[in-house]
N, C-alpha and C. Protein backbone atom coordinates (compact mmCIF):
# COMPACT_ATOMS: atom_id res chain seq x y z
N MET A 1 88.69 192.71 164.20
CA MET A 1 88.74 191.27 164.30
C MET A 1 90.19 190.81 164.18
N GLU A 2 90.46 189.66 164.76
CA GLU A 2 91.82 189.15 164.78
C GLU A 2 92.06 188.24 163.59
N LYS A 3 93.23 188.40 162.94
CA LYS A 3 93.58 187.55 161.81
C LYS A 3 94.38 186.36 162.31
N ASN A 4 94.17 185.21 161.64
CA ASN A 4 94.95 184.03 161.98
C ASN A 4 96.23 184.02 161.16
N GLY A 5 97.01 182.93 161.23
CA GLY A 5 98.31 182.85 160.59
C GLY A 5 98.29 182.97 159.08
N SER A 6 97.20 182.61 158.43
CA SER A 6 97.15 182.68 156.98
C SER A 6 96.57 184.00 156.47
N GLY A 7 96.22 184.90 157.37
CA GLY A 7 95.72 186.19 156.96
C GLY A 7 94.21 186.29 156.90
N MET A 8 93.51 185.19 157.07
CA MET A 8 92.05 185.23 157.08
C MET A 8 91.57 185.69 158.44
N ILE A 9 90.50 186.40 158.46
CA ILE A 9 89.94 186.85 159.73
C ILE A 9 89.26 185.68 160.40
N ALA A 10 89.60 185.46 161.67
CA ALA A 10 89.01 184.34 162.41
C ALA A 10 87.50 184.46 162.40
N GLY A 11 86.83 183.34 162.15
CA GLY A 11 85.38 183.33 162.13
C GLY A 11 84.79 183.52 160.74
N ASP A 12 85.61 183.95 159.76
CA ASP A 12 85.12 184.10 158.40
C ASP A 12 84.87 182.73 157.79
N LEU A 13 83.95 182.68 156.85
CA LEU A 13 83.69 181.44 156.14
C LEU A 13 84.84 181.15 155.20
N LEU A 14 85.06 179.85 154.95
CA LEU A 14 86.10 179.45 154.02
C LEU A 14 85.61 179.72 152.60
N PRO A 15 86.53 179.92 151.66
CA PRO A 15 86.11 180.19 150.28
C PRO A 15 85.45 178.95 149.68
N PRO A 16 84.60 179.15 148.67
CA PRO A 16 83.96 177.99 148.02
C PRO A 16 85.01 177.13 147.32
N ILE A 17 84.72 175.85 147.22
CA ILE A 17 85.63 174.92 146.55
C ILE A 17 85.34 174.98 145.06
N PRO A 18 86.33 175.33 144.24
CA PRO A 18 86.11 175.41 142.79
C PRO A 18 85.77 174.04 142.20
N ALA A 19 85.13 174.05 141.04
CA ALA A 19 84.78 172.81 140.34
C ALA A 19 86.00 172.33 139.56
N LYS A 20 86.92 171.70 140.26
CA LYS A 20 88.12 171.13 139.65
C LYS A 20 88.23 169.68 140.07
N ARG A 21 88.96 168.90 139.30
CA ARG A 21 89.14 167.49 139.65
C ARG A 21 90.23 167.32 140.70
N TYR A 22 91.34 168.02 140.56
CA TYR A 22 92.47 167.86 141.47
C TYR A 22 92.93 169.21 142.00
N PHE A 23 93.44 169.19 143.23
CA PHE A 23 93.95 170.39 143.89
C PHE A 23 95.33 170.09 144.43
N THR A 24 96.25 171.05 144.32
CA THR A 24 97.58 170.89 144.90
C THR A 24 97.50 171.14 146.41
N ILE A 25 98.55 170.78 147.10
CA ILE A 25 98.56 170.96 148.54
C ILE A 25 98.47 172.45 148.91
N GLY A 26 99.05 173.31 148.09
CA GLY A 26 98.96 174.75 148.34
C GLY A 26 97.54 175.27 148.18
N GLU A 27 96.86 174.79 147.13
CA GLU A 27 95.46 175.19 146.92
C GLU A 27 94.57 174.71 148.05
N VAL A 28 94.79 173.47 148.49
CA VAL A 28 93.98 172.93 149.59
C VAL A 28 94.25 173.71 150.87
N GLY A 29 95.50 174.06 151.08
CA GLY A 29 95.83 174.87 152.25
C GLY A 29 95.08 176.20 152.26
N ASP A 30 95.00 176.84 151.09
CA ASP A 30 94.28 178.11 150.99
C ASP A 30 92.77 177.90 151.14
N LEU A 31 92.23 176.84 150.54
CA LEU A 31 90.79 176.58 150.61
C LEU A 31 90.32 176.21 152.01
N CYS A 32 91.23 175.59 152.77
CA CYS A 32 90.84 175.08 154.09
C CYS A 32 91.47 175.87 155.24
N ASP A 33 92.26 176.87 154.93
CA ASP A 33 92.93 177.67 155.94
C ASP A 33 93.79 176.80 156.86
N VAL A 34 94.58 175.92 156.23
CA VAL A 34 95.47 175.02 156.95
C VAL A 34 96.81 175.02 156.21
N LYS A 35 97.90 175.03 156.95
CA LYS A 35 99.22 175.05 156.33
C LYS A 35 99.57 173.67 155.76
N PRO A 36 100.37 173.63 154.68
CA PRO A 36 100.70 172.35 154.04
C PRO A 36 101.33 171.32 154.99
N HIS A 37 102.16 171.75 155.92
CA HIS A 37 102.78 170.76 156.82
C HIS A 37 101.73 170.11 157.72
N VAL A 38 100.67 170.84 158.03
CA VAL A 38 99.58 170.28 158.83
C VAL A 38 98.82 169.25 158.01
N LEU A 39 98.60 169.54 156.73
CA LEU A 39 97.92 168.59 155.86
C LEU A 39 98.72 167.29 155.75
N ARG A 40 100.04 167.40 155.62
CA ARG A 40 100.88 166.20 155.54
C ARG A 40 100.79 165.40 156.83
N TYR A 41 100.74 166.09 157.96
CA TYR A 41 100.60 165.42 159.25
C TYR A 41 99.24 164.72 159.35
N TRP A 42 98.19 165.40 158.93
CA TRP A 42 96.86 164.81 159.01
C TRP A 42 96.75 163.55 158.14
N GLU A 43 97.50 163.48 157.03
CA GLU A 43 97.51 162.27 156.21
C GLU A 43 97.96 161.06 157.03
N GLN A 44 98.89 161.28 157.95
CA GLN A 44 99.39 160.19 158.79
C GLN A 44 98.37 159.82 159.85
N GLU A 45 97.59 160.76 160.30
CA GLU A 45 96.68 160.54 161.42
C GLU A 45 95.28 160.07 161.00
N PHE A 46 94.83 160.43 159.82
CA PHE A 46 93.49 160.10 159.35
C PHE A 46 93.61 159.22 158.12
N ASN A 47 93.27 157.93 158.27
CA ASN A 47 93.45 157.00 157.15
C ASN A 47 92.48 157.25 156.00
N GLN A 48 91.43 158.05 156.22
CA GLN A 48 90.50 158.39 155.13
C GLN A 48 91.13 159.37 154.15
N LEU A 49 92.19 160.03 154.57
CA LEU A 49 92.83 161.08 153.77
C LEU A 49 94.01 160.49 153.01
N LYS A 50 93.80 160.23 151.72
CA LYS A 50 94.84 159.61 150.89
C LYS A 50 94.93 160.32 149.55
N PRO A 51 95.62 161.45 149.48
CA PRO A 51 95.74 162.13 148.19
C PRO A 51 96.59 161.29 147.23
N GLN A 52 96.33 161.47 145.95
CA GLN A 52 97.15 160.78 144.94
C GLN A 52 98.51 161.45 144.90
N LYS A 53 99.54 160.64 144.70
CA LYS A 53 100.89 161.19 144.58
C LYS A 53 101.39 160.91 143.17
N ARG A 54 101.95 161.94 142.58
CA ARG A 54 102.45 161.83 141.21
C ARG A 54 103.91 162.23 141.18
N ARG A 55 104.34 162.70 140.03
CA ARG A 55 105.75 163.05 139.83
C ARG A 55 106.34 163.76 141.03
N GLY A 56 107.50 163.31 141.45
CA GLY A 56 108.21 163.97 142.53
C GLY A 56 107.46 163.91 143.85
N ASN A 57 106.58 162.93 144.00
CA ASN A 57 105.80 162.77 145.24
C ASN A 57 104.86 163.95 145.50
N ARG A 58 104.46 164.65 144.45
CA ARG A 58 103.51 165.76 144.62
C ARG A 58 102.13 165.22 144.93
N ARG A 59 101.46 165.87 145.86
CA ARG A 59 100.14 165.44 146.28
C ARG A 59 99.06 166.16 145.47
N TYR A 60 98.05 165.36 145.08
CA TYR A 60 96.90 165.92 144.39
C TYR A 60 95.64 165.44 145.09
N TYR A 61 94.90 166.38 145.63
CA TYR A 61 93.69 166.08 146.40
C TYR A 61 92.47 166.20 145.50
N GLN A 62 91.49 165.32 145.73
CA GLN A 62 90.23 165.40 145.01
C GLN A 62 89.22 166.16 145.86
N HIS A 63 88.11 166.52 145.22
CA HIS A 63 87.09 167.35 145.88
C HIS A 63 86.65 166.75 147.22
N HIS A 64 86.37 165.45 147.25
CA HIS A 64 85.88 164.84 148.49
C HIS A 64 86.92 164.90 149.60
N GLU A 65 88.20 164.92 149.24
CA GLU A 65 89.25 165.04 150.25
C GLU A 65 89.32 166.46 150.81
N VAL A 66 89.06 167.45 149.97
CA VAL A 66 89.02 168.83 150.44
C VAL A 66 87.86 169.00 151.44
N VAL A 67 86.72 168.41 151.13
CA VAL A 67 85.57 168.46 152.04
C VAL A 67 85.92 167.76 153.35
N LEU A 68 86.60 166.62 153.26
CA LEU A 68 87.02 165.89 154.46
C LEU A 68 87.98 166.72 155.29
N ILE A 69 88.91 167.39 154.65
CA ILE A 69 89.87 168.23 155.37
C ILE A 69 89.15 169.36 156.09
N ARG A 70 88.16 169.94 155.44
CA ARG A 70 87.38 170.99 156.11
C ARG A 70 86.66 170.43 157.33
N ARG A 71 86.16 169.21 157.24
CA ARG A 71 85.48 168.58 158.38
C ARG A 71 86.47 168.31 159.51
N ILE A 72 87.66 167.82 159.16
CA ILE A 72 88.70 167.58 160.17
C ILE A 72 89.06 168.89 160.85
N ARG A 73 89.23 169.93 160.05
CA ARG A 73 89.56 171.25 160.59
C ARG A 73 88.48 171.73 161.55
N GLU A 74 87.23 171.54 161.17
CA GLU A 74 86.10 171.95 162.01
C GLU A 74 86.13 171.19 163.35
N LEU A 75 86.34 169.87 163.27
CA LEU A 75 86.37 169.07 164.49
C LEU A 75 87.50 169.51 165.42
N LEU A 76 88.68 169.75 164.84
CA LEU A 76 89.85 170.09 165.66
C LEU A 76 89.84 171.54 166.15
N TYR A 77 89.60 172.46 165.26
CA TYR A 77 89.76 173.88 165.58
C TYR A 77 88.51 174.53 166.16
N GLU A 78 87.34 174.11 165.69
CA GLU A 78 86.12 174.79 166.13
C GLU A 78 85.39 174.03 167.23
N GLU A 79 85.40 172.68 167.15
CA GLU A 79 84.69 171.89 168.14
C GLU A 79 85.59 171.41 169.27
N GLY A 80 86.90 171.60 169.13
CA GLY A 80 87.83 171.31 170.21
C GLY A 80 88.19 169.84 170.41
N PHE A 81 87.98 169.01 169.40
CA PHE A 81 88.35 167.60 169.51
C PHE A 81 89.87 167.44 169.48
N THR A 82 90.35 166.37 170.10
CA THR A 82 91.74 165.97 169.92
C THR A 82 91.83 165.21 168.61
N ILE A 83 93.05 164.91 168.17
CA ILE A 83 93.23 164.13 166.94
C ILE A 83 92.52 162.79 167.06
N SER A 84 92.73 162.09 168.17
CA SER A 84 92.10 160.78 168.32
C SER A 84 90.58 160.91 168.44
N GLY A 85 90.09 161.94 169.09
CA GLY A 85 88.66 162.17 169.18
C GLY A 85 88.05 162.46 167.82
N ALA A 86 88.74 163.27 167.02
CA ALA A 86 88.26 163.59 165.67
C ALA A 86 88.27 162.34 164.80
N ARG A 87 89.29 161.50 164.95
CA ARG A 87 89.38 160.25 164.19
C ARG A 87 88.18 159.35 164.52
N ILE A 88 87.87 159.24 165.80
CA ILE A 88 86.73 158.42 166.24
C ILE A 88 85.42 159.00 165.70
N ARG A 89 85.26 160.30 165.79
CA ARG A 89 84.03 160.94 165.30
C ARG A 89 83.85 160.70 163.80
N LEU A 90 84.93 160.82 163.02
CA LEU A 90 84.83 160.58 161.58
C LEU A 90 84.47 159.13 161.29
N GLU A 91 85.03 158.20 162.05
CA GLU A 91 84.71 156.78 161.85
C GLU A 91 83.24 156.51 162.19
N GLU A 92 82.75 157.17 163.24
CA GLU A 92 81.33 157.03 163.61
C GLU A 92 80.42 157.55 162.51
N GLN A 93 80.87 158.60 161.85
CA GLN A 93 80.07 159.23 160.79
C GLN A 93 80.31 158.59 159.43
N GLY A 94 81.06 157.52 159.41
CA GLY A 94 81.33 156.83 158.15
C GLY A 94 82.28 157.58 157.25
N GLY A 95 83.25 158.26 157.80
CA GLY A 95 84.23 158.97 156.98
C GLY A 95 83.88 160.42 156.74
N GLY A 96 82.66 160.80 157.01
CA GLY A 96 82.29 162.20 156.93
C GLY A 96 81.99 162.72 155.55
N ALA A 97 82.86 162.48 154.56
CA ALA A 97 82.69 163.13 153.28
C ALA A 97 82.60 162.16 152.12
N THR A 98 82.34 160.89 152.40
CA THR A 98 82.30 159.93 151.32
C THR A 98 80.91 159.88 150.70
N VAL A 99 80.87 159.62 149.40
CA VAL A 99 79.63 159.49 148.66
C VAL A 99 79.73 158.18 147.89
N ASP A 100 78.78 157.26 148.06
CA ASP A 100 78.86 156.02 147.31
C ASP A 100 78.35 156.23 145.89
N ALA A 101 78.58 155.25 145.03
CA ALA A 101 78.30 155.39 143.60
C ALA A 101 76.82 155.65 143.32
N SER A 102 75.93 155.01 144.06
CA SER A 102 74.50 155.23 143.81
C SER A 102 74.09 156.65 144.17
N ASP A 103 74.64 157.19 145.26
CA ASP A 103 74.35 158.58 145.61
C ASP A 103 74.90 159.53 144.57
N ALA A 104 76.11 159.25 144.07
CA ALA A 104 76.73 160.12 143.07
C ALA A 104 75.88 160.16 141.80
N GLY A 105 75.34 159.00 141.39
CA GLY A 105 74.48 158.98 140.20
C GLY A 105 73.21 159.77 140.41
N SER A 106 72.64 159.67 141.60
CA SER A 106 71.44 160.41 141.93
C SER A 106 71.71 161.91 141.95
N ILE A 107 72.82 162.28 142.53
CA ILE A 107 73.21 163.70 142.59
C ILE A 107 73.41 164.23 141.17
N ARG A 108 74.09 163.44 140.33
CA ARG A 108 74.32 163.85 138.94
C ARG A 108 72.99 164.07 138.21
N ALA A 109 72.06 163.13 138.38
CA ALA A 109 70.75 163.25 137.72
C ALA A 109 70.02 164.50 138.20
N ASP A 110 70.08 164.77 139.51
CA ASP A 110 69.44 165.97 140.05
C ASP A 110 70.06 167.24 139.48
N LEU A 111 71.39 167.25 139.39
CA LEU A 111 72.08 168.43 138.85
C LEU A 111 71.75 168.63 137.37
N LEU A 112 71.67 167.54 136.63
CA LEU A 112 71.30 167.67 135.21
C LEU A 112 69.89 168.21 135.06
N ALA A 113 68.98 167.78 135.94
CA ALA A 113 67.61 168.30 135.90
C ALA A 113 67.57 169.79 136.18
N VAL A 114 68.35 170.22 137.16
CA VAL A 114 68.43 171.65 137.50
C VAL A 114 69.03 172.42 136.32
N LEU A 115 70.08 171.87 135.73
CA LEU A 115 70.70 172.53 134.56
C LEU A 115 69.70 172.66 133.42
N HIS A 116 68.91 171.65 133.19
CA HIS A 116 67.89 171.69 132.13
C HIS A 116 66.87 172.78 132.41
N ILE A 117 66.43 172.88 133.66
CA ILE A 117 65.45 173.91 134.05
C ILE A 117 66.05 175.30 133.85
N LEU A 118 67.30 175.48 134.26
CA LEU A 118 67.93 176.79 134.14
C LEU A 118 68.19 177.19 132.70
N SER A 119 68.46 176.21 131.86
CA SER A 119 68.80 176.54 130.46
C SER A 119 67.55 176.75 129.60
N SER A 120 66.36 176.41 130.12
CA SER A 120 65.15 176.60 129.31
C SER A 120 64.47 177.91 129.59
């Protein structure tokens, strides 16, 4: 099989996203198989992608942004969309990776129920 620029074999699944609150640009690059300069470019092209910036303008991405980046990558690299086409598709899908507060509460309750079942 052929390896891509980051050393992953083309067609392999991306690694699971760890349960962390924030990810650096390097971590996101590894999780999404995208180089940091591409991530910085995508920030300019996709208004849904807004990582927090802290000391020294360092970027910190949240879990939902990592999921969004994976969706952008899928649209561009696997489905063959252009940047503008991917932007339109994400807008049609309502941002792709957003979860509103009521859904988040429901998801949390479901996860707590599963945790209770597993711990008993």
